[in-house]
N, C-alpha and C. Protein backbone atom coordinates (compact mmCIF):
# COMPACT_ATOMS: atom_id res chain seq x y z
N MET A 1 46.24 108.21 212.83
CA MET A 1 46.65 106.69 212.27
C MET A 1 47.45 105.83 213.01
N SER A 2 47.53 104.55 213.92
CA SER A 2 48.34 103.97 214.27
C SER A 2 48.94 103.23 213.88
N ALA A 3 50.26 102.75 214.40
CA ALA A 3 51.19 101.34 213.21
C ALA A 3 50.09 100.22 213.49
N TYR A 4 50.66 99.70 212.64
CA TYR A 4 50.30 98.29 212.27
C TYR A 4 51.08 97.39 213.58
N ARG A 5 50.43 96.57 214.45
CA ARG A 5 50.92 95.75 215.18
C ARG A 5 50.43 94.24 214.93
N ASP A 6 51.32 93.06 214.81
CA ASP A 6 50.93 91.73 214.62
C ASP A 6 50.59 91.60 216.19
N ARG A 7 49.68 91.23 216.56
CA ARG A 7 49.38 90.23 217.81
C ARG A 7 48.57 89.47 217.65
N PRO A 8 48.84 88.16 218.88
CA PRO A 8 47.97 86.93 218.72
C PRO A 8 46.75 87.33 218.66
N SER A 9 45.79 86.61 217.87
CA SER A 9 44.54 86.56 218.13
C SER A 9 44.02 85.22 218.55
N MET A 10 42.95 84.89 219.27
CA MET A 10 41.93 83.65 219.68
C MET A 10 42.12 82.93 218.21
N ARG A 11 41.59 83.76 217.17
CA ARG A 11 41.18 83.29 215.74
C ARG A 11 42.44 82.43 215.07
N ASP A 12 43.66 83.06 215.43
CA ASP A 12 44.99 82.24 215.11
C ASP A 12 44.78 80.80 215.12
N ALA A 13 45.48 80.05 214.25
CA ALA A 13 45.46 78.60 214.22
C ALA A 13 46.87 78.63 215.28
N PRO A 14 47.29 77.56 216.08
CA PRO A 14 48.37 77.71 216.79
C PRO A 14 49.22 76.92 216.00
N LEU A 15 50.43 77.64 216.41
CA LEU A 15 51.80 77.27 215.57
C LEU A 15 52.27 75.93 215.92
N SER A 16 52.84 75.34 214.86
CA SER A 16 53.09 73.97 215.33
C SER A 16 54.30 73.86 214.31
N GLY A 17 55.48 72.98 214.88
CA GLY A 17 56.26 72.59 213.79
C GLY A 17 57.55 73.17 214.24
N LEU A 18 58.66 72.98 213.50
CA LEU A 18 59.82 73.62 213.49
C LEU A 18 60.02 74.68 212.68
N GLU A 19 60.47 76.03 213.54
CA GLU A 19 60.49 77.21 212.81
C GLU A 19 62.14 77.46 212.53
N ILE A 20 62.48 78.13 211.18
CA ILE A 20 63.89 78.32 210.62
C ILE A 20 63.76 79.62 209.88
N TRP A 21 64.81 80.19 210.18
CA TRP A 21 65.23 80.99 209.17
C TRP A 21 66.58 80.95 208.60
N LEU A 22 66.51 80.80 207.23
CA LEU A 22 67.42 80.68 206.45
C LEU A 22 68.16 81.80 205.59
N ALA A 23 69.45 81.80 205.77
CA ALA A 23 70.01 82.93 204.79
C ALA A 23 70.86 82.53 204.05
N GLY A 24 71.06 82.75 202.80
CA GLY A 24 72.23 82.61 201.84
C GLY A 24 72.05 82.67 200.56
N THR A 25 72.53 82.17 199.66
CA THR A 25 72.56 82.44 198.00
C THR A 25 71.75 81.68 197.65
N PRO A 26 70.83 82.11 196.61
CA PRO A 26 69.86 81.51 196.02
C PRO A 26 69.52 79.96 196.02
N THR A 27 71.46 79.22 195.45
CA THR A 27 71.74 78.19 195.40
C THR A 27 71.56 77.23 196.54
N GLU A 28 72.27 78.08 197.44
CA GLU A 28 72.01 77.14 199.11
C GLU A 28 70.74 77.28 199.79
N LEU A 29 69.88 78.13 199.39
CA LEU A 29 68.37 78.07 199.80
C LEU A 29 67.89 77.16 199.28
N ASP A 30 67.71 76.96 198.00
CA ASP A 30 67.48 75.66 197.06
C ASP A 30 67.76 74.36 198.15
N ALA A 31 68.99 74.11 198.08
CA ALA A 31 69.75 72.82 198.56
C ALA A 31 69.15 73.01 199.89
N ALA A 32 69.06 73.72 200.87
CA ALA A 32 68.62 73.99 202.14
C ALA A 32 66.94 72.82 202.04
N ILE A 33 66.26 73.78 201.54
CA ILE A 33 64.53 73.40 201.23
C ILE A 33 64.93 71.94 200.87
N ARG A 34 65.65 71.76 199.95
CA ARG A 34 65.63 70.13 199.69
C ARG A 34 66.09 69.03 200.55
N ALA A 35 66.89 69.60 201.47
CA ALA A 35 67.15 68.65 202.63
C ALA A 35 66.20 68.54 203.47
N LEU A 36 65.77 69.97 204.10
CA LEU A 36 64.38 69.86 204.94
C LEU A 36 63.06 69.09 204.56
N THR A 37 63.14 69.07 203.22
CA THR A 37 61.85 68.29 202.39
C THR A 37 61.88 67.25 202.77
N ALA A 38 63.22 66.57 202.86
CA ALA A 38 63.69 65.15 203.22
C ALA A 38 63.58 64.78 204.38
N ALA A 39 63.89 65.66 205.51
CA ALA A 39 63.75 65.59 207.18
C ALA A 39 62.09 65.41 207.66
N GLY A 40 61.17 66.17 206.43
CA GLY A 40 60.01 66.39 207.20
C GLY A 40 59.06 67.03 205.94
N ARG A 41 58.05 67.61 206.55
CA ARG A 41 56.97 68.35 205.59
C ARG A 41 57.02 69.90 205.76
N ILE A 42 57.20 70.76 204.77
CA ILE A 42 57.00 72.05 204.83
C ILE A 42 55.71 72.63 205.07
N ALA A 43 55.87 73.00 206.08
CA ALA A 43 53.98 73.23 206.60
C ALA A 43 54.19 75.05 206.00
N TRP A 44 54.85 75.78 206.01
CA TRP A 44 55.01 76.93 205.55
C TRP A 44 56.51 77.72 204.75
N GLN A 45 56.33 78.12 203.33
CA GLN A 45 57.54 78.86 203.24
C GLN A 45 56.92 80.02 203.01
N GLY A 46 57.85 81.04 203.47
CA GLY A 46 57.82 82.70 203.08
C GLY A 46 58.38 82.94 201.96
N PRO A 47 58.46 84.20 201.55
CA PRO A 47 58.87 84.87 200.07
C PRO A 47 60.46 84.98 200.83
N ARG A 48 61.22 84.69 199.74
CA ARG A 48 62.91 85.15 199.77
C ARG A 48 62.60 86.41 199.39
N ARG A 49 63.22 87.21 200.73
CA ARG A 49 63.61 88.79 200.50
C ARG A 49 64.80 88.79 200.54
N PRO A 50 65.23 89.73 199.68
CA PRO A 50 66.78 90.11 199.11
C PRO A 50 67.18 90.69 200.32
N MET A 51 68.68 90.64 200.43
CA MET A 51 69.63 91.25 201.66
C MET A 51 70.10 92.30 200.66
N THR A 52 70.78 93.40 201.75
CA THR A 52 71.45 94.29 200.94
C THR A 52 72.83 94.90 201.68
N GLY A 53 73.69 95.40 201.25
CA GLY A 53 74.86 95.94 201.84
C GLY A 53 75.71 94.37 201.67
N PRO A 54 76.56 94.21 202.42
CA PRO A 54 77.52 93.19 202.40
C PRO A 54 76.73 92.13 201.89
N ASP A 55 75.48 91.87 202.36
CA ASP A 55 74.98 90.51 202.21
C ASP A 55 74.53 90.26 200.76
N ALA A 56 74.58 91.52 199.93
CA ALA A 56 73.89 91.68 198.64
C ALA A 56 74.15 90.29 197.71
N GLY A 57 73.02 89.68 196.98
CA GLY A 57 73.31 88.41 196.59
C GLY A 57 72.65 87.58 197.30
N ARG A 58 72.23 87.87 198.28
CA ARG A 58 72.07 86.76 199.42
C ARG A 58 70.69 87.30 199.58
N ALA A 59 69.78 85.70 200.25
CA ALA A 59 68.50 86.27 200.51
C ALA A 59 67.97 85.32 201.90
N ARG A 60 66.92 85.88 202.86
CA ARG A 60 66.40 85.33 203.72
C ARG A 60 65.06 85.03 203.62
N MET A 61 64.96 83.96 204.34
CA MET A 61 63.43 83.36 204.31
C MET A 61 63.12 82.53 205.52
N TYR A 62 61.93 82.47 205.67
CA TYR A 62 61.45 82.00 206.98
C TYR A 62 60.81 80.78 206.67
N VAL A 63 60.66 79.43 207.15
CA VAL A 63 60.26 78.25 207.04
C VAL A 63 60.06 77.68 208.14
N ARG A 64 58.70 76.82 208.22
CA ARG A 64 58.30 76.12 209.06
C ARG A 64 57.92 74.81 208.46
N LEU A 65 58.45 73.76 209.59
CA LEU A 65 58.79 72.41 208.89
C LEU A 65 57.89 71.43 209.96
N SER A 66 57.25 70.39 209.46
CA SER A 66 56.69 69.47 210.34
C SER A 66 57.19 68.18 210.46
N VAL A 67 57.98 67.80 211.40
CA VAL A 67 58.59 66.83 211.58
C VAL A 67 58.24 65.96 212.54
N ALA A 68 58.17 64.72 212.22
CA ALA A 68 57.61 63.62 213.06
C ALA A 68 58.73 63.03 214.14
N PRO A 69 58.60 63.27 215.49
CA PRO A 69 59.75 62.60 215.88
C PRO A 69 59.81 61.28 216.21
N THR A 70 61.10 60.45 215.93
CA THR A 70 60.99 58.95 215.80
C THR A 70 61.54 58.79 216.98
N ARG A 71 61.64 57.33 217.30
CA ARG A 71 62.94 56.97 218.29
C ARG A 71 63.36 55.59 217.70
N ARG A 72 64.52 55.25 217.73
CA ARG A 72 65.25 53.98 217.07
C ARG A 72 65.00 53.33 218.17
N THR A 73 64.68 51.94 217.22
CA THR A 73 64.29 50.82 218.09
C THR A 73 65.42 50.11 218.04
N ASN A 74 65.94 49.50 217.10
CA ASN A 74 67.35 48.79 217.35
C ASN A 74 68.57 49.52 216.95
N ARG A 75 69.27 49.03 217.56
CA ARG A 75 70.80 49.86 217.28
C ARG A 75 71.25 48.86 216.26
N PRO A 76 72.29 49.67 215.65
CA PRO A 76 72.90 49.29 214.38
C PRO A 76 73.58 47.52 215.04
N ALA A 77 73.82 46.82 214.27
CA ALA A 77 74.65 45.88 214.40
C ALA A 77 75.87 45.98 214.40
N ARG A 78 76.80 45.29 215.46
CA ARG A 78 78.39 45.46 215.41
C ARG A 78 78.87 44.30 215.16
N PRO A 79 79.77 44.12 214.34
CA PRO A 79 80.55 42.98 213.82
C PRO A 79 81.20 42.15 215.09
N ASP A 80 80.54 40.88 215.11
CA ASP A 80 81.37 39.52 216.31
C ASP A 80 82.73 39.60 215.99
N THR A 81 83.60 39.99 214.84
CA THR A 81 84.70 39.50 214.78
C THR A 81 85.62 40.81 214.50
N ASN A 82 86.92 40.59 214.38
CA ASN A 82 88.08 41.93 213.93
C ASN A 82 88.10 41.68 212.43
N GLU A 83 87.71 41.08 211.84
CA GLU A 83 87.90 40.47 210.10
C GLU A 83 87.83 41.60 209.50
N GLY A 84 89.05 41.95 209.16
CA GLY A 84 89.49 43.32 208.22
C GLY A 84 89.81 44.43 208.90
N ALA A 85 89.68 44.22 210.25
CA ALA A 85 90.36 45.09 210.77
C ALA A 85 91.87 45.25 211.51
N THR A 86 92.03 46.47 211.56
CA THR A 86 93.78 46.55 211.75
C THR A 86 93.88 46.72 213.25
N VAL A 87 94.75 45.71 214.34
CA VAL A 87 94.79 45.90 215.34
C VAL A 87 95.98 46.81 216.13
N LEU A 88 95.89 47.96 216.19
CA LEU A 88 97.36 48.64 216.84
C LEU A 88 97.61 48.26 218.15
N THR A 89 98.95 47.84 218.42
CA THR A 89 99.74 47.19 219.67
C THR A 89 100.40 48.62 220.50
N PHE A 90 99.80 49.03 221.39
CA PHE A 90 100.55 50.02 222.48
C PHE A 90 101.28 49.58 223.38
N PRO A 91 102.32 49.90 223.59
CA PRO A 91 103.50 49.75 224.48
C PRO A 91 102.66 49.53 225.93
N ASP A 92 103.30 48.63 226.73
CA ASP A 92 102.91 48.78 228.41
C ASP A 92 103.09 49.64 229.08
N ARG A 93 102.50 50.54 229.48
CA ARG A 93 102.96 51.43 230.52
C ARG A 93 104.04 50.85 231.57
N ARG A 94 103.55 49.74 232.11
CA ARG A 94 104.21 49.06 233.17
C ARG A 94 105.86 48.59 232.73
N GLN A 95 105.90 48.17 231.68
CA GLN A 95 107.00 48.10 231.42
C GLN A 95 108.24 49.26 231.04
N HIS A 96 107.64 50.59 231.40
CA HIS A 96 108.71 51.67 231.21
C HIS A 96 108.50 52.35 232.48
N ALA A 97 107.70 52.08 233.54
CA ALA A 97 107.64 52.93 234.49
C ALA A 97 108.86 52.28 235.62
N SER A 98 109.62 53.03 235.81
CA SER A 98 110.97 52.88 237.02
C SER A 98 111.28 53.92 237.57
């Protein structure tokens, strides 16, 4: 009997999206999934696999995220005045050069 090997197949759907391995506590993984969901669409979320040894209490999981690349069209407006800003004065180097 031969060992199972995962090899690409012409029948496989092409992979797309951002591939991410996450590792952390269950609370950290929950927070990461919420943040990633806000950034795009979770295309695949693998099972959480408990870690052992010094990493006991943590888990790892694989996530594939579909994100739409966007391009910023308008830059944020910059204020035209210094209203409310503190202006710091710096000594002029030429006064001290001798």
